[in-house]
Amino acid sequence: MTASAMGSTELHPPRWLPAPMRWHNTPVTWRESWRLALALPRRVRERTVLEYLATELPGQDDVLVARLPIAKFVLVRSPELVRQLLVTNQDGYINGAEFDLLAIVFGQGLVTQRDNRIHRRNQRLVQPIFARSAIDQFDAPMVEAAQDSVRRLWEADEPVDVGAEMIRLSLDIVARTMFGTDPNGPISTIKLEQLLRFFSFGVVSGASRPLRSLANWVVRHTEEPDKQAASRLPLRTARAMAWVMGPHIMFGLRRIEKTVAGMIADHREGRITRTDNLLGLLMAATDPETGHSYSDLEIQDELMTFIGTGMETTATALTWAWKLLAEHDDVRKRLHDELDTVLGGRLPTAADVEKLPWTKAVFMETMRLHPPVMATSKVALREDVLAGYRIKPGTTVMISLHGVHGNPRVWDRAMEFDPTRYLPENMTRPHREASLAFGAGKRICIAQNFATMEAVLTMATVAQRLDLRRTTNDPIRAQLSFIGGPDKPLMMRAVARE
């Protein structure tokens, strides 16, 4: 196939001029490219770099080629281009190398599994567990955990760090729904902040690239049926190196793993007999096509990734939601009115989630403005064309979630908080395709219904009883980290609703 048929690699500014950023279709001059790049350090210091990359760099529907000291990558911010990567041509790409770092921390679960064949098999195992009808059984423990949070917020004699409280609440829900255990037991000691910071450092430092190369080499030189075991060898090597670089962090990780492994052993040996939890369901799951069941190691990996990629992200989204509600009186009043009308003072259930469209819309709009991850990446397995630009095999394509969620062609007043966007009557196909909080395609977050129900039930339980008010007007921005949580504690005082 000719280069013209496959697309062009011509860029602006042209390649013969040294420039840190180039565009394919957008006529950006050499001087302008440097001016835009040199503004990045200042925007990092001001904590506004996410908005800068998302909405202020030109060519939002174009391909941007960036060359940094540690890596070269292609950046896309267009919903159509992202759909091509995640849906239309998803088999032509694999997850970026940063997922290998995530696997070092949390194991090879659905989120981090590189092998598409194993991913499809395990997805068949897990899908029935996270079906909308199946997760309804978890509404009671979720609401019970939220009630405990209401009590803690109300009984506090001083302003509360709502971010820390949401993490504690999420841990409670993990203990009750994943393990069916006491929320004050071993699970309550899990702390992920340092682990996620360690992961973020690994991504920024470029450590993921050589790790991916090593993994590819090992798998390529290993015969079946040992390829799956061989693929873990580079991860174990990297874990050994991580023990040298951050022993206190890895010690915390090992403690989490021992806690999860102990829970699995308790179920296997009958010390825990309840099966109305995710662990029990995973242990009973069988692939209808192959008859395969999870090994204990695979169960541990799935639970670790559920905890690591789900708990902190949901807690962070809820924290941002309380901040936004406190700053928008009209949105908060409409939320209270909906809860009073639909619930009438009773506790919410799974059946109420779809009856609370405004509550759900507040959560989804929060996830649009503050997506659960700053960016994700894909690596091309074969040639492709994005916006007329030829993508060569091995090219890393970065997807800016903030860019897609802030694309002004799709979203009117894109950077403003407006939950009406997510009311059913206002959602159009372009809006749905530009909402990537849970991903898209075959790798879409399998627990999205679980996370949405958790968030809606939590917001309904808390907001029905309490009004959370900020104690200061100090600006709070997103951290430059994996999940982009607030850069300082969100201090709030709980006031009983009349």
Protein backbone atom coordinates (compact mmCIF):
# COMPACT_ATOMS: atom_id res chain seq x y z
CA MET A 1 0.00 0.00 0.00
CA THR A 2 1.40 3.42 -0.96
CA ALA A 3 2.12 6.17 1.53
CA SER A 4 -0.57 8.34 -0.05
CA ALA A 5 -3.13 5.58 0.41
CA MET A 6 -2.04 5.10 3.98
CA GLY A 7 -2.02 8.82 4.73
CA SER A 8 0.68 11.42 5.09
CA THR A 9 3.36 12.00 7.71
CA GLU A 10 3.87 15.68 6.79
CA LEU A 11 3.72 17.97 9.81
CA HIS A 12 3.61 21.63 10.85
CA PRO A 13 6.21 22.93 11.58
CA PRO A 14 8.12 20.80 9.04
CA ARG A 15 10.45 18.07 10.27
CA TRP A 16 13.61 19.85 9.19
CA LEU A 17 12.96 22.54 11.82
CA PRO A 18 13.63 21.47 15.45
CA ALA A 19 10.33 21.73 17.32
CA PRO A 20 8.89 20.02 20.43
CA MET A 21 5.33 19.80 19.06
CA ARG A 22 4.00 19.42 15.52
CA TRP A 23 0.50 19.22 14.04
CA HIS A 24 -0.63 17.33 10.94
CA ASN A 25 -3.39 19.55 9.54
CA THR A 26 -3.11 22.68 11.69
CA PRO A 27 -0.77 25.37 10.28
CA VAL A 28 1.36 26.08 13.35
CA THR A 29 4.61 27.97 12.82
CA TRP A 30 7.98 27.01 14.26
CA ARG A 31 7.95 30.05 16.54
CA GLU A 32 4.41 29.28 17.75
CA SER A 33 5.29 25.65 18.48
CA TRP A 34 8.11 26.73 20.78
CA ARG A 35 5.99 29.41 22.43
CA LEU A 36 3.28 26.84 23.22
CA ALA A 37 5.82 24.32 24.52
CA LEU A 38 7.68 26.83 26.69
CA ALA A 39 4.39 27.76 28.37
CA LEU A 40 4.09 24.24 29.78
CA PRO A 41 6.40 24.64 32.83
CA ARG A 42 4.51 27.73 33.98
CA ARG A 43 1.16 25.99 33.52
CA VAL A 44 2.47 23.01 35.53
CA ARG A 45 3.43 25.34 38.38
CA GLU A 46 0.00 27.00 38.22
CA ARG A 47 -1.75 23.60 38.20
CA THR A 48 -3.56 24.54 34.97
CA VAL A 49 -1.67 22.29 32.57
CA LEU A 50 -4.63 19.90 32.13
CA GLU A 51 -6.87 22.71 30.91
CA TYR A 52 -4.00 23.94 28.73
CA LEU A 53 -3.48 20.60 27.01
CA ALA A 54 -7.22 19.97 26.74
CA THR A 55 -8.62 23.20 25.38
CA GLU A 56 -5.94 25.84 24.75
CA LEU A 57 -3.53 24.06 22.43
CA PRO A 58 -4.68 24.52 18.81
CA GLY A 59 -5.93 21.70 16.60
CA GLN A 60 -8.25 19.88 18.97
CA ASP A 61 -9.51 17.66 16.15
CA ASP A 62 -6.04 17.15 14.73
CA VAL A 63 -3.12 14.87 15.52
CA LEU A 64 -0.39 16.42 17.67
CA VAL A 65 3.05 14.81 17.59
CA ALA A 66 5.09 15.59 20.72
CA ARG A 67 8.76 14.81 21.26
CA LEU A 68 9.87 14.93 24.88
CA PRO A 69 13.27 14.05 26.37
CA ILE A 70 11.93 10.67 27.51
CA ALA A 71 9.50 9.74 24.75
CA LYS A 72 7.82 10.56 21.48
CA PHE A 73 4.08 10.11 21.19
CA VAL A 74 1.00 11.15 19.26
CA LEU A 75 -1.71 13.02 21.19
CA VAL A 76 -5.39 12.96 20.19
CA ARG A 77 -8.25 14.98 21.71
CA SER A 78 -11.03 14.36 19.17
CA PRO A 79 -13.96 12.04 20.04
CA GLU A 80 -13.94 10.65 16.50
CA LEU A 81 -10.24 9.78 16.62
CA VAL A 82 -10.61 8.25 20.06
CA ARG A 83 -13.54 6.16 18.85
CA GLN A 84 -11.34 4.89 16.01
CA LEU A 85 -8.71 3.83 18.57
CA LEU A 86 -11.06 2.29 21.14
CA VAL A 87 -13.90 0.93 19.01
CA THR A 88 -13.58 0.92 15.21
CA ASN A 89 -9.99 -0.32 15.05
CA GLN A 90 -9.54 -1.52 18.62
CA ASP A 91 -7.93 -4.80 17.51
CA GLY A 92 -5.18 -2.76 15.86
CA TYR A 93 -3.96 -1.42 19.20
CA ILE A 94 -2.95 -2.71 22.61
CA ASN A 95 -2.83 -0.92 25.95
CA GLY A 96 0.08 1.44 26.46
CA ALA A 97 3.16 0.50 28.45
CA GLU A 98 1.95 2.32 31.57
CA PHE A 99 -0.50 -0.56 32.10
CA ASP A 100 2.54 -2.78 32.68
CA LEU A 101 3.50 -0.53 35.59
CA LEU A 102 -0.03 -0.78 36.90
CA ALA A 103 0.31 -4.57 36.70
CA ILE A 104 3.44 -4.37 38.88
CA VAL A 105 1.34 -2.77 41.59
CA PHE A 106 -1.99 -4.55 41.26
CA GLY A 107 -1.41 -7.70 39.19
CA GLN A 108 -2.77 -8.89 35.86
CA GLY A 109 -6.50 -8.31 36.19
CA LEU A 110 -8.92 -7.29 33.46
CA VAL A 111 -7.66 -3.71 33.48
CA THR A 112 -3.99 -4.61 33.07
CA GLN A 113 -4.13 -7.88 31.09
CA ARG A 114 -2.17 -7.46 27.84
CA ASP A 115 -3.13 -10.75 26.19
CA ASN A 116 -6.39 -10.13 24.31
CA ARG A 117 -7.23 -13.85 24.34
CA ILE A 118 -6.93 -14.10 28.14
CA HIS A 119 -8.75 -10.79 28.53
CA ARG A 120 -11.74 -12.07 26.51
CA ARG A 121 -11.82 -15.31 28.52
CA ASN A 122 -11.71 -13.52 31.87
CA GLN A 123 -14.24 -10.97 30.68
CA ARG A 124 -16.68 -13.82 30.06
CA LEU A 125 -16.07 -14.97 33.63
CA VAL A 126 -16.70 -11.56 35.17
CA GLN A 127 -19.47 -10.15 32.97
CA PRO A 128 -22.35 -12.02 34.66
CA ILE A 129 -21.14 -10.80 38.06
CA PHE A 130 -21.30 -7.14 37.01
CA ALA A 131 -24.53 -7.35 35.02
CA ARG A 132 -26.98 -4.64 36.06
CA SER A 133 -29.42 -7.19 37.47
CA ALA A 134 -26.67 -8.97 39.43
CA ILE A 135 -25.21 -5.94 41.18
CA ASP A 136 -28.58 -4.91 42.66
CA GLN A 137 -27.85 -7.25 45.59
CA PHE A 138 -25.07 -4.89 46.71
CA ASP A 139 -27.31 -1.87 47.28
CA ALA A 140 -27.94 -2.59 50.98
CA PRO A 141 -24.25 -2.79 52.00
CA MET A 142 -23.51 0.34 49.96
CA VAL A 143 -26.26 2.29 51.72
CA GLU A 144 -25.20 0.94 55.12
CA ALA A 145 -21.67 2.21 54.48
CA ALA A 146 -23.05 5.59 53.39
CA GLN A 147 -25.14 5.79 56.58
CA ASP A 148 -22.00 5.23 58.64
CA SER A 149 -20.39 8.07 56.70
CA VAL A 150 -23.36 10.34 57.47
CA ARG A 151 -22.93 9.57 61.15
CA ARG A 152 -19.21 10.35 61.11
CA LEU A 153 -19.75 13.61 59.22
CA TRP A 154 -22.53 14.72 61.57
CA GLU A 155 -20.71 13.80 64.77
CA ALA A 156 -17.50 15.60 63.80
CA ASP A 157 -16.87 18.65 65.98
CA GLU A 158 -14.75 20.36 63.36
CA PRO A 159 -14.49 20.60 59.57
CA VAL A 160 -13.85 17.25 57.90
CA ASP A 161 -11.51 16.38 55.04
CA VAL A 162 -14.21 15.08 52.70
CA GLY A 163 -11.64 13.46 50.41
CA ALA A 164 -10.34 11.31 53.25
CA GLU A 165 -13.91 10.50 54.31
CA MET A 166 -14.84 9.39 50.78
CA ILE A 167 -11.81 7.07 50.73
CA ARG A 168 -12.87 5.58 54.05
CA LEU A 169 -16.41 5.17 52.72
CA SER A 170 -15.12 3.46 49.57
CA LEU A 171 -13.04 1.09 51.70
CA ASP A 172 -16.15 0.27 53.73
CA ILE A 173 -17.98 -0.58 50.52
CA VAL A 174 -15.04 -2.71 49.34
CA ALA A 175 -15.10 -4.68 52.59
CA ARG A 176 -18.86 -5.23 52.51
CA THR A 177 -19.37 -5.95 48.79
CA MET A 178 -16.11 -7.56 47.69
CA PHE A 179 -15.38 -9.66 50.76
CA GLY A 180 -18.56 -9.68 52.87
CA THR A 181 -16.49 -8.79 55.93
CA ASP A 182 -16.40 -6.29 58.77
CA PRO A 183 -15.52 -2.83 57.39
CA ASN A 184 -13.39 -2.26 60.49
CA GLY A 185 -11.32 -5.38 59.82
CA PRO A 186 -8.08 -5.79 57.85
CA ILE A 187 -9.46 -4.11 54.71
CA SER A 188 -9.79 -0.82 56.58
CA THR A 189 -5.99 -0.56 56.77
CA ILE A 190 -5.50 -0.39 52.99
CA LYS A 191 -3.85 2.83 51.80
CA LEU A 192 -3.34 3.44 48.08
CA GLU A 193 -2.15 7.05 47.92
CA GLN A 194 1.57 6.23 47.99
CA LEU A 195 1.15 3.32 45.57
CA LEU A 196 -0.62 5.49 43.01
CA ARG A 197 1.98 8.24 43.43
CA PHE A 198 4.69 5.61 42.85
CA PHE A 199 2.86 4.46 39.71
CA SER A 200 2.55 8.06 38.46
CA PHE A 201 6.30 8.57 38.92
CA GLY A 202 6.98 5.42 36.89
CA VAL A 203 4.84 6.67 34.01
CA VAL A 204 6.41 10.14 33.95
CA SER A 205 9.97 8.78 34.24
CA GLY A 206 9.50 6.54 31.20
CA ALA A 207 10.19 3.32 33.09
CA SER A 208 7.30 1.59 31.34
CA ARG A 209 8.96 1.49 27.93
CA PRO A 210 11.95 -0.78 28.73
CA LEU A 211 9.69 -2.95 30.88
CA ARG A 212 7.33 -3.48 27.92
CA SER A 213 10.28 -4.29 25.63
CA LEU A 214 11.60 -6.88 28.08
CA ALA A 215 8.16 -8.47 28.44
CA ASN A 216 7.76 -8.70 24.66
CA TRP A 217 11.19 -10.33 24.28
CA VAL A 218 10.53 -12.91 27.02
CA VAL A 219 7.12 -13.89 25.63
CA ARG A 220 8.44 -14.06 22.07
CA HIS A 221 11.13 -16.56 23.11
CA THR A 222 8.87 -18.75 25.25
CA GLU A 223 6.95 -21.76 23.96
CA GLU A 224 3.30 -22.49 24.73
CA PRO A 225 1.86 -23.26 27.28
CA ASP A 226 4.39 -21.27 29.34
CA LYS A 227 3.80 -17.87 27.74
CA GLN A 228 1.38 -16.64 30.42
CA ALA A 229 3.79 -17.54 33.22
CA ALA A 230 6.68 -16.02 31.27
CA SER A 231 4.81 -12.75 30.83
CA ARG A 232 4.87 -12.34 34.61
CA LEU A 233 8.67 -12.63 34.83
CA PRO A 234 9.47 -9.02 33.81
CA LEU A 235 6.81 -7.77 36.22
CA ARG A 236 8.36 -9.75 39.06
CA THR A 237 11.80 -8.40 38.12
CA ALA A 238 10.42 -4.87 38.16
CA ARG A 239 8.80 -5.52 41.54
CA ALA A 240 12.18 -6.59 42.91
CA MET A 241 13.68 -3.33 41.64
CA ALA A 242 10.79 -1.39 43.18
CA TRP A 243 11.64 -2.90 46.57
CA VAL A 244 15.04 -1.23 46.27
CA MET A 245 13.63 2.13 45.09
CA GLY A 246 10.69 2.36 47.48
CA PRO A 247 10.76 -0.34 50.17
CA HIS A 248 8.19 1.34 52.43
CA ILE A 249 5.76 1.64 49.52
CA MET A 250 6.25 -1.98 48.46
CA PHE A 251 5.89 -3.11 52.07
CA GLY A 252 2.46 -1.45 52.08
CA LEU A 253 1.61 -3.21 48.82
CA ARG A 254 2.67 -6.57 50.27
CA ARG A 255 0.42 -5.98 53.27
CA ILE A 256 -2.55 -5.39 50.96
CA GLU A 257 -1.74 -8.56 49.00
CA LYS A 258 -1.53 -10.61 52.20
CA THR A 259 -4.89 -9.24 53.31
CA VAL A 260 -6.54 -10.19 50.01
CA ALA A 261 -4.82 -13.61 49.90
CA GLY A 262 -6.00 -14.26 53.46
CA MET A 263 -9.58 -13.49 52.47
CA ILE A 264 -9.34 -15.92 49.56
CA ALA A 265 -7.96 -18.63 51.86
CA ASP A 266 -10.74 -18.01 54.39
CA HIS A 267 -13.32 -18.59 51.64
CA ARG A 268 -11.55 -21.69 50.31
CA GLU A 269 -11.28 -23.24 53.78
CA GLY A 270 -14.81 -22.39 54.87
CA ARG A 271 -13.98 -19.82 57.54
CA ILE A 272 -16.06 -17.36 55.51
CA THR A 273 -19.17 -19.04 54.15
CA ARG A 274 -21.04 -16.08 52.70
CA THR A 275 -21.16 -16.04 48.90
CA ASP A 276 -23.09 -12.79 48.44
CA ASN A 277 -19.90 -10.88 47.69
CA LEU A 278 -17.60 -10.40 44.71
CA LEU A 279 -14.95 -12.78 46.06
CA GLY A 280 -17.45 -15.61 46.46
CA LEU A 281 -18.86 -14.94 43.00
CA LEU A 282 -15.39 -14.92 41.41
CA MET A 283 -14.55 -18.24 43.07
CA ALA A 284 -17.72 -19.79 41.65
CA ALA A 285 -17.39 -18.27 38.15
CA THR A 286 -16.89 -20.60 35.18
CA ASP A 287 -16.28 -19.68 31.55
CA PRO A 288 -19.31 -21.03 29.63
CA GLU A 289 -17.18 -21.62 26.50
CA THR A 290 -14.12 -23.35 27.97
CA GLY A 291 -15.13 -24.39 31.49
CA HIS A 292 -12.14 -22.47 32.86
CA SER A 293 -12.33 -21.25 36.46
CA TYR A 294 -10.14 -18.69 38.17
CA SER A 295 -7.03 -19.78 40.05
CA ASP A 296 -6.39 -18.17 43.43
CA LEU A 297 -3.67 -15.99 41.87
CA GLU A 298 -6.04 -14.80 39.14
CA ILE A 299 -8.71 -14.02 41.74
CA GLN A 300 -6.17 -12.06 43.75
CA ASP A 301 -5.14 -10.10 40.65
CA GLU A 302 -8.76 -9.26 39.81
CA LEU A 303 -9.53 -8.13 43.36
CA MET A 304 -6.34 -6.07 43.56
CA THR A 305 -7.16 -4.28 40.31
CA PHE A 306 -10.78 -3.73 41.39
CA ILE A 307 -9.48 -2.15 44.60
CA GLY A 308 -6.66 -0.21 42.99
CA THR A 309 -8.42 1.16 39.92
CA GLY A 310 -11.94 1.41 41.33
CA MET A 311 -11.84 2.44 44.97
CA GLU A 312 -9.69 5.55 44.70
CA THR A 313 -11.26 6.72 41.43
CA THR A 314 -14.83 6.56 42.78
CA ALA A 315 -13.79 8.26 46.02
CA THR A 316 -12.07 11.03 44.07
CA ALA A 317 -15.10 11.56 41.82
CA LEU A 318 -17.37 11.84 44.87
CA THR A 319 -14.97 14.34 46.46
CA TRP A 320 -15.11 16.55 43.36
CA ALA A 321 -18.91 16.18 43.29
CA TRP A 322 -19.27 17.54 46.84
CA LYS A 323 -17.01 20.48 45.96
CA LEU A 324 -19.01 21.32 42.83
CA LEU A 325 -22.33 20.97 44.64
CA ALA A 326 -21.14 23.34 47.37
CA GLU A 327 -20.22 25.91 44.71
CA HIS A 328 -23.47 25.70 42.70
CA ASP A 329 -26.53 26.46 44.82
CA ASP A 330 -29.01 25.85 41.99
CA VAL A 331 -27.61 22.39 41.25
CA ARG A 332 -27.60 21.46 44.93
CA LYS A 333 -31.19 22.66 45.44
CA ARG A 334 -32.39 20.61 42.47
CA LEU A 335 -30.59 17.58 43.90
CA HIS A 336 -32.29 18.02 47.28
CA ASP A 337 -35.69 18.51 45.62
CA GLU A 338 -35.28 15.30 43.60
CA LEU A 339 -34.27 13.29 46.66
CA ASP A 340 -37.17 14.65 48.72
CA THR A 341 -39.68 13.91 45.95
CA VAL A 342 -38.48 10.43 44.99
CA LEU A 343 -37.35 9.07 48.36
CA GLY A 344 -39.59 10.98 50.75
CA GLY A 345 -37.19 10.40 53.63
CA ARG A 346 -36.62 6.65 53.10
CA LEU A 347 -33.26 5.12 52.24
CA PRO A 348 -32.46 4.63 48.54
CA THR A 349 -32.24 1.22 46.86
CA ALA A 350 -30.93 -0.06 43.54
CA ALA A 351 -34.41 0.42 42.08
CA ASP A 352 -34.09 4.16 42.73
CA VAL A 353 -30.93 4.73 40.69
CA GLU A 354 -32.82 5.28 37.43
CA LYS A 355 -35.48 7.29 39.28
CA LEU A 356 -32.83 9.82 40.31
CA PRO A 357 -31.72 11.21 36.93
CA TRP A 358 -30.47 14.52 38.35
CA THR A 359 -28.34 12.80 41.00
CA LYS A 360 -26.86 10.54 38.33
CA ALA A 361 -26.32 13.51 36.00
CA VAL A 362 -24.39 15.36 38.72
CA PHE A 363 -22.05 12.38 39.05
CA MET A 364 -21.57 11.98 35.29
CA GLU A 365 -20.92 15.70 34.76
CA THR A 366 -18.39 15.58 37.59
CA MET A 367 -16.66 12.68 35.80
CA ARG A 368 -16.62 14.72 32.60
CA LEU A 369 -14.84 17.65 34.24
CA HIS A 370 -12.68 15.43 36.46
CA PRO A 371 -12.19 12.09 34.64
CA PRO A 372 -10.89 9.17 36.73
CA VAL A 373 -7.53 9.21 34.91
CA MET A 374 -5.72 12.10 33.27
CA ALA A 375 -4.90 10.21 30.08
CA THR A 376 -4.48 6.74 28.67
CA SER A 377 -2.49 5.37 25.77
CA LYS A 378 -2.57 2.77 23.04
CA VAL A 379 0.26 1.24 21.01
CA ALA A 380 -0.31 0.51 17.32
CA LEU A 381 0.09 -3.12 16.26
CA ARG A 382 -0.12 -2.27 12.56
CA GLU A 383 -0.35 0.78 10.33
CA ASP A 384 -3.34 3.07 10.72
CA VAL A 385 -4.40 6.56 9.65
CA LEU A 386 -5.66 9.15 12.15
CA ALA A 387 -6.97 12.43 10.72
CA GLY A 388 -4.91 11.77 7.59
CA TYR A 389 -1.72 11.13 9.58
CA ARG A 390 0.00 7.78 9.08
CA ILE A 391 0.51 5.83 12.32
CA LYS A 392 3.36 3.34 12.14
CA PRO A 393 3.41 0.06 14.12
CA GLY A 394 4.82 0.62 17.59
CA THR A 395 3.66 4.24 17.79
CA THR A 396 2.27 5.27 21.18
CA VAL A 397 -0.97 7.25 20.86
CA MET A 398 -1.96 9.24 23.95
CA ILE A 399 -5.67 9.93 24.56
CA SER A 400 -6.37 13.12 26.52
CA LEU A 401 -9.62 12.51 28.40
CA HIS A 402 -9.70 16.16 29.43
CA GLY A 403 -9.33 17.09 25.77
CA VAL A 404 -12.23 14.90 24.65
CA HIS A 405 -14.41 15.94 27.59
CA GLY A 406 -13.62 19.61 26.93
CA ASN A 407 -13.95 19.58 23.14
CA PRO A 408 -16.00 22.75 22.35
CA ARG A 409 -17.32 21.24 19.11
CA VAL A 410 -19.23 18.67 21.18
CA TRP A 411 -19.80 20.46 24.47
CA ASP A 412 -21.29 23.95 24.72
CA ARG A 413 -19.54 25.95 27.47
CA ALA A 414 -17.29 22.92 27.82
CA MET A 415 -15.44 23.93 30.98
CA GLU A 416 -18.57 24.85 32.96
CA PHE A 417 -20.35 22.53 35.40
CA ASP A 418 -23.78 21.78 33.92
CA PRO A 419 -25.43 18.44 34.84
CA THR A 420 -28.32 19.09 32.41
CA ARG A 421 -25.99 17.71 29.71
CA TYR A 422 -26.47 14.22 31.15
CA LEU A 423 -30.23 14.22 31.51
CA PRO A 424 -31.63 11.47 29.25
CA GLU A 425 -33.52 13.92 27.03
CA ASN A 426 -30.34 15.92 26.33
CA MET A 427 -27.91 13.09 25.63
CA THR A 428 -27.10 12.63 21.95
CA ARG A 429 -24.81 10.16 20.23
CA PRO A 430 -21.93 12.71 19.98
CA HIS A 431 -22.27 13.35 23.73
CA ARG A 432 -22.17 9.64 24.54
CA GLU A 433 -19.14 9.09 22.31
CA ALA A 434 -17.37 12.04 23.96
CA SER A 435 -17.96 10.66 27.48
CA LEU A 436 -15.00 8.42 28.26
CA ALA A 437 -14.98 8.24 32.06
CA PHE A 438 -15.43 4.45 31.79
CA GLY A 439 -13.63 3.98 28.48
CA ALA A 440 -15.13 2.42 25.34
CA GLY A 441 -14.99 -0.68 23.17
CA LYS A 442 -13.98 -4.15 24.34
CA ARG A 443 -11.90 -2.68 27.16
CA ILE A 444 -14.69 -0.57 28.62
CA CYS A 445 -14.78 -0.64 32.43
CA ILE A 446 -16.72 -3.77 33.29
CA ALA A 447 -17.68 -2.33 36.68
CA GLN A 448 -19.20 0.91 35.38
CA ASN A 449 -22.71 -0.02 36.55
CA PHE A 450 -21.33 -0.96 39.97
CA ALA A 451 -19.43 2.34 40.28
CA THR A 452 -22.41 4.39 39.11
CA MET A 453 -24.76 2.69 41.55
CA GLU A 454 -22.25 3.19 44.38
CA ALA A 455 -21.93 6.90 43.59
CA VAL A 456 -25.67 7.57 43.18
CA LEU A 457 -26.62 5.68 46.35
CA THR A 458 -23.86 7.42 48.31
CA MET A 459 -24.86 10.88 47.12
CA ALA A 460 -28.53 10.17 47.76
CA THR A 461 -27.93 8.84 51.28
CA VAL A 462 -25.62 11.67 52.34
CA ALA A 463 -27.34 14.61 50.59
CA GLN A 464 -30.75 13.53 51.84
CA ARG A 465 -29.59 14.08 55.43
CA LEU A 466 -26.75 16.61 55.23
CA ASP A 467 -25.69 19.76 53.42
CA LEU A 468 -21.90 19.80 53.00
CA ARG A 469 -20.49 23.33 52.98
CA ARG A 470 -16.95 24.46 52.31
CA THR A 471 -15.22 26.23 55.18
CA THR A 472 -12.89 28.28 52.94
CA ASN A 473 -12.94 29.64 49.40
CA ASP A 474 -9.33 28.71 48.70
CA PRO A 475 -8.92 27.48 45.11
CA ILE A 476 -8.51 23.73 44.73
CA ARG A 477 -7.09 22.27 41.53
CA ALA A 478 -6.39 18.78 40.26
CA GLN A 479 -3.09 17.14 41.13
CA LEU A 480 -0.82 16.12 38.29
CA SER A 481 -1.13 12.47 39.21
CA PHE A 482 -2.66 9.25 37.93
CA ILE A 483 -6.21 10.03 39.08
CA GLY A 484 -6.05 13.82 39.35
CA GLY A 485 -7.49 14.23 42.84
CA PRO A 486 -7.65 17.60 44.66
CA ASP A 487 -4.27 19.18 45.34
CA LYS A 488 -5.22 19.99 48.94
CA PRO A 489 -7.73 18.70 51.51
CA LEU A 490 -11.36 19.63 50.80
CA MET A 491 -12.45 20.81 54.24
CA MET A 492 -16.24 20.87 54.71
CA ARG A 493 -18.70 21.16 57.55
CA ALA A 494 -21.85 19.02 57.67
CA VAL A 495 -25.11 20.88 58.33
CA ALA A 496 -28.34 18.98 58.95
CA ARG A 497 -30.97 19.61 56.29
CA GLU A 498 -34.27 21.00 57.55
